[in-house]
Protein backbone atom coordinates (compact mmCIF):
# COMPACT_ATOMS: atom_id res chain seq x y z
CA MET A 1 11.13 -11.44 -12.04
CA ILE A 2 11.14 -9.01 -14.97
CA PRO A 3 11.47 -5.40 -13.69
CA SER A 4 8.19 -3.47 -13.79
CA PRO A 5 7.98 -1.07 -16.76
CA LEU A 6 8.27 2.72 -16.80
CA SER A 7 5.81 5.37 -17.98
CA SER A 8 5.84 9.15 -17.87
CA VAL A 9 3.22 11.78 -17.06
CA THR A 10 3.09 15.56 -17.24
CA LEU A 11 1.13 17.03 -14.34
CA ASP A 12 0.67 20.79 -13.93
CA GLY A 13 3.55 21.39 -16.32
CA ARG A 14 5.99 19.02 -14.57
CA ASP A 15 7.30 15.77 -15.99
CA PHE A 16 7.39 12.67 -13.77
CA LEU A 17 8.70 9.16 -14.38
CA ILE A 18 6.42 6.37 -13.12
CA LYS A 19 7.60 2.94 -11.97
CA ARG A 20 4.62 0.79 -12.95
CA ASP A 21 4.50 -1.71 -10.10
CA ASP A 22 0.71 -1.65 -10.58
CA LEU A 23 1.19 -3.81 -13.69
CA ILE A 24 2.92 -6.72 -11.93
CA ASP A 25 -0.29 -8.65 -11.19
CA PRO A 26 -4.05 -7.88 -11.06
CA TYR A 27 -4.23 -8.42 -7.27
CA LEU A 28 -0.68 -9.02 -6.05
CA ALA A 29 0.70 -5.77 -7.41
CA GLY A 30 2.30 -2.52 -6.33
CA ASN A 31 3.90 -2.18 -2.93
CA LYS A 32 1.99 -5.24 -1.70
CA TYR A 33 3.90 -7.41 -4.17
CA ARG A 34 7.15 -5.94 -2.87
CA LYS A 35 6.17 -6.36 0.79
CA LEU A 36 5.05 -9.96 0.25
CA TYR A 37 7.94 -10.90 -2.04
CA THR A 38 9.48 -13.22 0.57
CA LEU A 39 6.18 -15.06 1.08
CA ILE A 40 5.59 -15.26 -2.68
CA LYS A 41 8.86 -17.17 -2.99
CA THR A 42 8.03 -19.41 -0.02
CA PRO A 43 7.14 -23.01 -1.00
CA LYS A 44 3.44 -23.62 -0.50
CA GLU A 45 4.20 -26.64 1.68
CA ARG A 46 5.76 -24.34 4.33
CA TYR A 47 2.41 -23.05 5.66
CA ARG A 48 -1.24 -24.08 5.72
CA LYS A 49 -2.77 -20.93 7.22
CA LEU A 50 -2.14 -17.17 7.11
CA ILE A 51 -3.73 -14.73 9.58
CA SER A 52 -3.93 -10.95 9.28
CA TYR A 53 -6.06 -7.99 10.35
CA GLY A 54 -6.95 -4.42 9.37
CA GLY A 55 -9.50 -2.53 7.28
CA THR A 56 -11.98 -4.07 4.88
CA GLN A 57 -10.92 -1.95 1.90
CA SER A 58 -7.25 -2.72 2.50
CA ASN A 59 -5.09 -3.42 -0.53
CA ALA A 60 -2.97 -5.69 1.67
CA MET A 61 -6.05 -7.75 2.53
CA LEU A 62 -6.76 -8.38 -1.15
CA ALA A 63 -3.11 -9.15 -1.92
CA LEU A 64 -2.97 -11.66 0.95
CA ALA A 65 -6.19 -13.28 -0.25
CA ALA A 66 -4.68 -13.67 -3.74
CA LEU A 67 -1.44 -15.04 -2.30
CA CYS A 68 -3.26 -17.60 -0.15
CA LYS A 69 -5.44 -18.65 -3.09
CA GLU A 70 -2.32 -19.29 -5.16
CA LYS A 71 -0.52 -21.12 -2.33
CA GLU A 72 -3.66 -23.08 -1.30
CA TRP A 73 -3.40 -21.68 2.24
CA SER A 74 -6.45 -20.78 4.32
CA PHE A 75 -6.70 -17.07 5.03
CA GLN A 76 -8.28 -15.67 8.19
CA TYR A 77 -8.78 -11.90 8.36
CA PHE A 78 -9.94 -9.95 11.44
CA THR A 79 -11.59 -6.52 11.39
CA LYS A 80 -13.77 -4.25 13.46
CA PRO A 81 -17.52 -4.62 12.78
CA LEU A 82 -18.73 -3.84 9.25
CA SER A 83 -21.78 -1.85 8.27
CA GLU A 84 -24.55 -3.62 6.38
CA ARG A 85 -23.67 -1.46 3.36
CA GLN A 86 -20.10 -2.76 3.35
CA LYS A 87 -21.25 -6.36 3.68
CA GLY A 88 -23.56 -5.95 0.70
CA GLU A 89 -21.06 -4.33 -1.68
CA ALA A 90 -20.62 -6.36 -4.86
CA SER A 91 -17.36 -4.65 -5.87
CA GLY A 92 -14.22 -3.40 -4.15
CA ASN A 93 -11.44 -5.10 -2.23
CA TYR A 94 -13.64 -6.75 0.40
CA ALA A 95 -15.89 -8.44 -2.15
CA LEU A 96 -12.89 -9.54 -4.22
CA ALA A 97 -11.05 -10.94 -1.19
CA ARG A 98 -14.13 -12.92 -0.14
CA SER A 99 -14.41 -14.34 -3.66
CA LEU A 100 -10.79 -15.53 -3.35
CA GLY A 101 -11.61 -17.52 -0.21
CA MET A 102 -10.92 -15.10 2.65
CA GLU A 103 -12.51 -16.11 5.98
CA HIS A 104 -13.64 -12.87 7.61
CA TYR A 105 -14.12 -12.38 11.35
CA GLU A 106 -15.55 -9.27 13.01
CA ILE A 107 -14.36 -8.19 16.46
CA PRO A 108 -16.31 -5.72 18.65
CA HIS A 109 -14.54 -2.36 18.94
CA GLU A 110 -13.89 -2.73 22.65
CA TYR A 111 -12.08 -6.05 22.19
CA TYR A 112 -10.26 -5.35 18.93
CA LYS A 113 -6.80 -4.38 20.21
CA GLU A 114 -6.76 -7.21 22.73
CA ARG A 115 -7.80 -9.80 20.13
CA VAL A 116 -5.26 -8.60 17.57
CA ALA A 117 -2.51 -8.71 20.21
CA SER A 118 -3.39 -12.35 20.91
CA LEU A 119 -3.26 -13.59 17.29
CA ARG A 120 0.26 -14.98 17.71
CA PHE A 121 -0.56 -16.95 20.85
CA ASN A 122 -0.28 -20.73 20.56
CA LEU A 123 0.43 -20.83 16.83
CA ASP A 124 1.70 -24.01 15.25
CA GLU A 125 4.55 -24.00 12.75
CA SER A 126 2.20 -24.19 9.77
CA THR A 127 0.57 -20.82 10.57
CA ILE A 128 1.94 -17.32 9.98
CA VAL A 129 0.61 -13.93 11.09
CA VAL A 130 1.16 -10.92 8.83
CA ASP A 131 0.67 -7.53 10.48
CA GLN A 132 -1.70 -4.89 9.15
CA GLY A 133 -0.61 -3.49 5.79
CA GLY A 134 2.26 -5.96 5.53
CA ALA A 135 4.27 -3.87 7.99
CA ALA A 136 6.89 -6.42 8.92
CA HIS A 137 10.55 -7.25 8.49
CA LEU A 138 9.63 -9.76 5.78
CA ALA A 139 8.99 -6.72 3.51
CA LYS A 140 12.68 -5.83 3.40
CA GLU A 141 13.76 -8.28 0.69
CA GLY A 142 11.11 -7.17 -1.79
CA LEU A 143 11.94 -3.48 -1.32
CA GLU A 144 15.63 -4.22 -1.82
CA GLN A 145 14.70 -5.86 -5.13
CA LEU A 146 12.77 -2.70 -6.10
CA ALA A 147 15.81 -0.59 -5.17
CA CYS A 148 17.99 -2.69 -7.49
CA GLU A 149 15.55 -2.09 -10.35
CA ILE A 150 15.59 1.65 -9.68
CA LYS A 151 19.40 1.76 -9.73
CA GLU A 152 19.39 0.05 -13.13
CA ILE A 153 17.21 2.75 -14.71
CA ASN A 154 19.21 4.86 -17.16
CA SER A 155 18.21 8.21 -15.69
CA ASP A 156 19.71 11.16 -13.82
CA ILE A 157 16.73 11.22 -11.43
CA ARG A 158 17.82 10.87 -7.81
CA SER A 159 14.49 11.49 -6.06
CA VAL A 160 11.86 8.80 -5.50
CA ALA A 161 8.32 9.15 -4.12
CA THR A 162 5.87 6.68 -2.61
CA PRO A 163 2.86 7.33 -0.32
CA SER A 164 2.70 5.85 3.17
CA GLY A 165 0.19 4.05 5.33
CA THR A 166 2.47 2.32 7.83
CA GLY A 167 5.57 3.67 6.08
CA THR A 168 7.10 0.23 5.51
CA THR A 169 7.68 0.72 1.78
CA ALA A 170 9.22 4.18 2.11
CA LEU A 171 11.42 3.12 5.03
CA TYR A 172 12.98 0.04 3.45
CA LEU A 173 13.30 1.77 0.09
CA ALA A 174 15.20 4.68 1.68
CA LEU A 175 17.49 2.27 3.53
CA ALA A 176 18.26 0.48 0.24
CA LEU A 177 18.76 3.73 -1.72
CA PRO A 178 21.06 5.90 0.45
CA GLU A 179 22.16 7.92 -2.59
CA TYR A 180 18.55 8.93 -3.38
CA ARG A 181 16.02 11.20 -1.72
CA VAL A 182 12.92 9.21 -0.86
CA TYR A 183 9.78 11.32 -0.41
CA THR A 184 6.66 10.11 1.33
CA THR A 185 3.60 11.61 3.01
CA PRO A 186 1.45 10.36 5.90
CA SER A 187 -1.94 9.25 4.60
CA VAL A 188 -3.10 7.82 7.94
CA GLY A 189 -2.41 10.10 10.89
CA ASP A 190 0.33 12.72 10.97
CA ALA A 191 4.12 12.65 10.53
CA LEU A 192 4.68 11.83 14.21
CA TYR A 193 2.42 8.76 13.96
CA LEU A 194 4.17 7.69 10.74
CA LYS A 195 7.61 7.96 12.35
CA GLU A 196 6.43 5.87 15.30
CA GLN A 197 5.29 3.13 12.91
CA MET A 198 8.62 3.18 11.07
CA ARG A 199 10.78 3.10 14.20
CA VAL A 200 9.17 -0.16 15.25
CA LEU A 201 10.99 -1.68 12.24
CA GLU A 202 14.22 0.32 11.79
CA MET A 203 15.90 3.65 12.50
CA ILE A 204 14.71 6.29 10.01
CA PRO A 205 17.50 7.26 7.59
CA LYS A 206 18.27 10.92 6.79
CA ASN A 207 17.42 10.51 3.09
CA LEU A 208 13.77 9.71 3.93
CA ILE A 209 11.85 12.99 3.69
CA ILE A 210 8.29 13.21 5.01
CA LEU A 211 6.17 15.83 3.24
CA GLU A 212 3.42 16.78 5.68
CA PRO A 213 0.29 18.61 4.51
CA GLU A 214 -0.60 21.92 6.14
CA LYS A 215 -4.07 20.66 7.02
CA LYS A 216 -5.50 17.30 8.03
CA TYR A 217 -7.22 15.18 5.39
CA PRO A 218 -9.34 12.46 7.05
CA PHE A 219 -8.24 9.12 5.65
CA GLY A 220 -10.68 7.61 3.17
CA LYS A 221 -13.05 10.58 3.16
CA PRO A 222 -13.97 11.77 -0.37
CA ASN A 223 -12.20 15.03 -1.18
CA ARG A 224 -12.74 17.21 -4.23
CA GLU A 225 -9.04 18.14 -4.51
CA PHE A 226 -8.09 14.47 -4.53
CA TYR A 227 -10.68 13.65 -7.17
CA GLU A 228 -9.38 16.44 -9.43
CA ILE A 229 -5.82 15.09 -9.15
CA TYR A 230 -7.11 11.57 -9.84
CA GLN A 231 -8.87 12.84 -13.01
CA LYS A 232 -5.77 14.72 -14.21
CA LEU A 233 -3.68 11.57 -13.88
CA LEU A 234 -6.40 9.49 -15.53
CA ALA A 235 -6.22 11.89 -18.49
CA CYS A 236 -2.55 10.88 -18.75
CA GLU A 237 -3.83 7.30 -19.25
CA ILE A 238 -2.65 6.00 -15.86
CA GLU A 239 -5.09 5.19 -13.06
CA PHE A 240 -3.90 5.68 -9.49
CA ASP A 241 -5.66 4.69 -6.28
CA LEU A 242 -7.95 7.21 -4.58
CA LEU A 243 -6.86 6.45 -1.01
CA TYR A 244 -3.13 7.20 -0.98
CA ALA A 245 -1.93 8.59 -4.30
CA PRO A 246 -3.77 11.95 -4.54
CA LEU A 247 -2.30 13.33 -1.31
CA MET A 248 1.20 12.21 -2.32
CA TRP A 249 0.84 13.91 -5.71
CA LYS A 250 -0.51 17.06 -4.05
CA MET A 251 2.52 17.24 -1.73
CA LEU A 252 4.97 16.65 -4.58
CA LEU A 253 3.44 19.48 -6.61
CA GLU A 254 3.44 21.86 -3.64
CA GLN A 255 6.69 21.01 -1.87
CA THR A 256 9.17 19.72 -4.47
CA SER A 257 10.63 20.97 -7.74
CA GLU A 258 13.21 18.44 -8.98
CA PRO A 259 12.66 15.47 -11.35
CA ILE A 260 11.02 12.59 -9.48
CA LEU A 261 10.45 8.87 -10.01
CA TYR A 262 7.04 7.98 -8.59
CA ILE A 263 6.51 4.38 -7.46
CA HIS A 264 3.00 3.34 -8.47
CA SER A 265 1.75 1.47 -5.41
CA GLY A 266 -1.15 -0.28 -7.16
CA GLY A 267 -4.36 -0.52 -5.18
CA VAL A 268 -6.66 0.56 -8.02
CA SER A 269 -8.96 -2.42 -7.40
CA GLY A 270 -10.37 -0.45 -4.48
CA ASN A 271 -11.40 2.46 -6.69
CA ALA A 272 -14.72 0.87 -7.65
CA SER A 273 -16.11 1.20 -4.13
CA MET A 274 -14.37 4.55 -3.56
CA LEU A 275 -15.91 6.04 -6.71
CA GLU A 276 -19.34 5.03 -5.43
CA ARG A 277 -18.66 7.12 -2.35
CA TYR A 278 -17.46 10.01 -4.52
CA LYS A 279 -20.77 10.21 -6.40
CA ALA A 280 -22.31 12.38 -3.71
CA LEU A 281 -19.37 14.80 -3.94
CA ILE A 282 -19.13 15.11 -7.72
C-alpha cells in the first residue's frame, strides 16, 4: 500500500505532525485498517463467515462490516440490548454497518459474557471470530507496517501518540518502534485496566508510556472540554473522532512538551451520532 500522508496542526501554540491513517479508506481506515491488515490480505475464499462482538457505535464493528462486504463474507455481530433510540438512528456506525450487511444479535445483559465466551465453540474452518475492537494477535502485522512507514518519515521526531481502547494499537506500535516513545491514554477504564488488556497479548515494553488523566471521564459521555478540543482541531481543517481523540490530545497538551507525531485513528464516521448527543451540552 501507499503510506498514509502527513499533515500538521498547531494546537495551543504547539506544532504536531499528523499521520493521516484516517484517509486510507472511508470505512476501513485508521487503526482498524492496521489491525485488520492481515485479514484484508486474506483471499476471500479462505472464509465464509466472520463473527465479532462489542458496542454498537464501535469503529471496529463498521470496519469489519466493510471488510466482510468487500470479501463477500457474512458478518454476525453480538451486543448487549439496544435502546429504541439507537435502533432508530439513521446515521452513525450502527446504521452504516447494517447498511453494509451486518447481522446484529442482541444478548441479555445477564448472559452476555457467557455467550461471548462461547462464540468459538464448534466453529468450522470457514468461520473466524475477531475479538472486540480487533484486539488480537492478527493486528501485529499491520502495526509493524505502520512502524515501517513512521521510520521512513524524514523527521527528528521520536515520540508517537495514539489513543487506546483495548491498547492493541499502542502496544504493537511500541514493540515495533523500540527507539521511539509511544504515548497513549486509557479511554475506557483506567491505566490498570488498560495494562491488563495489553498483557493478554504481549509484555508491555518500557517505551510505552501511559498518560493517565487526574480525573475519570466516563467513556462516551459528552464533555464540554472534549468538544472544545474537537472544535480547535476542526479549525485546523482536520476532523478527529469525539470518542477517543479529545482525551488523548488533552493529555498530550498537559503532560508532554516535545515534538510529537500523532497517529490519526480514524473513526470520524461515528461523529454524526455523537454530535447529536452533544446538542444538549452545547
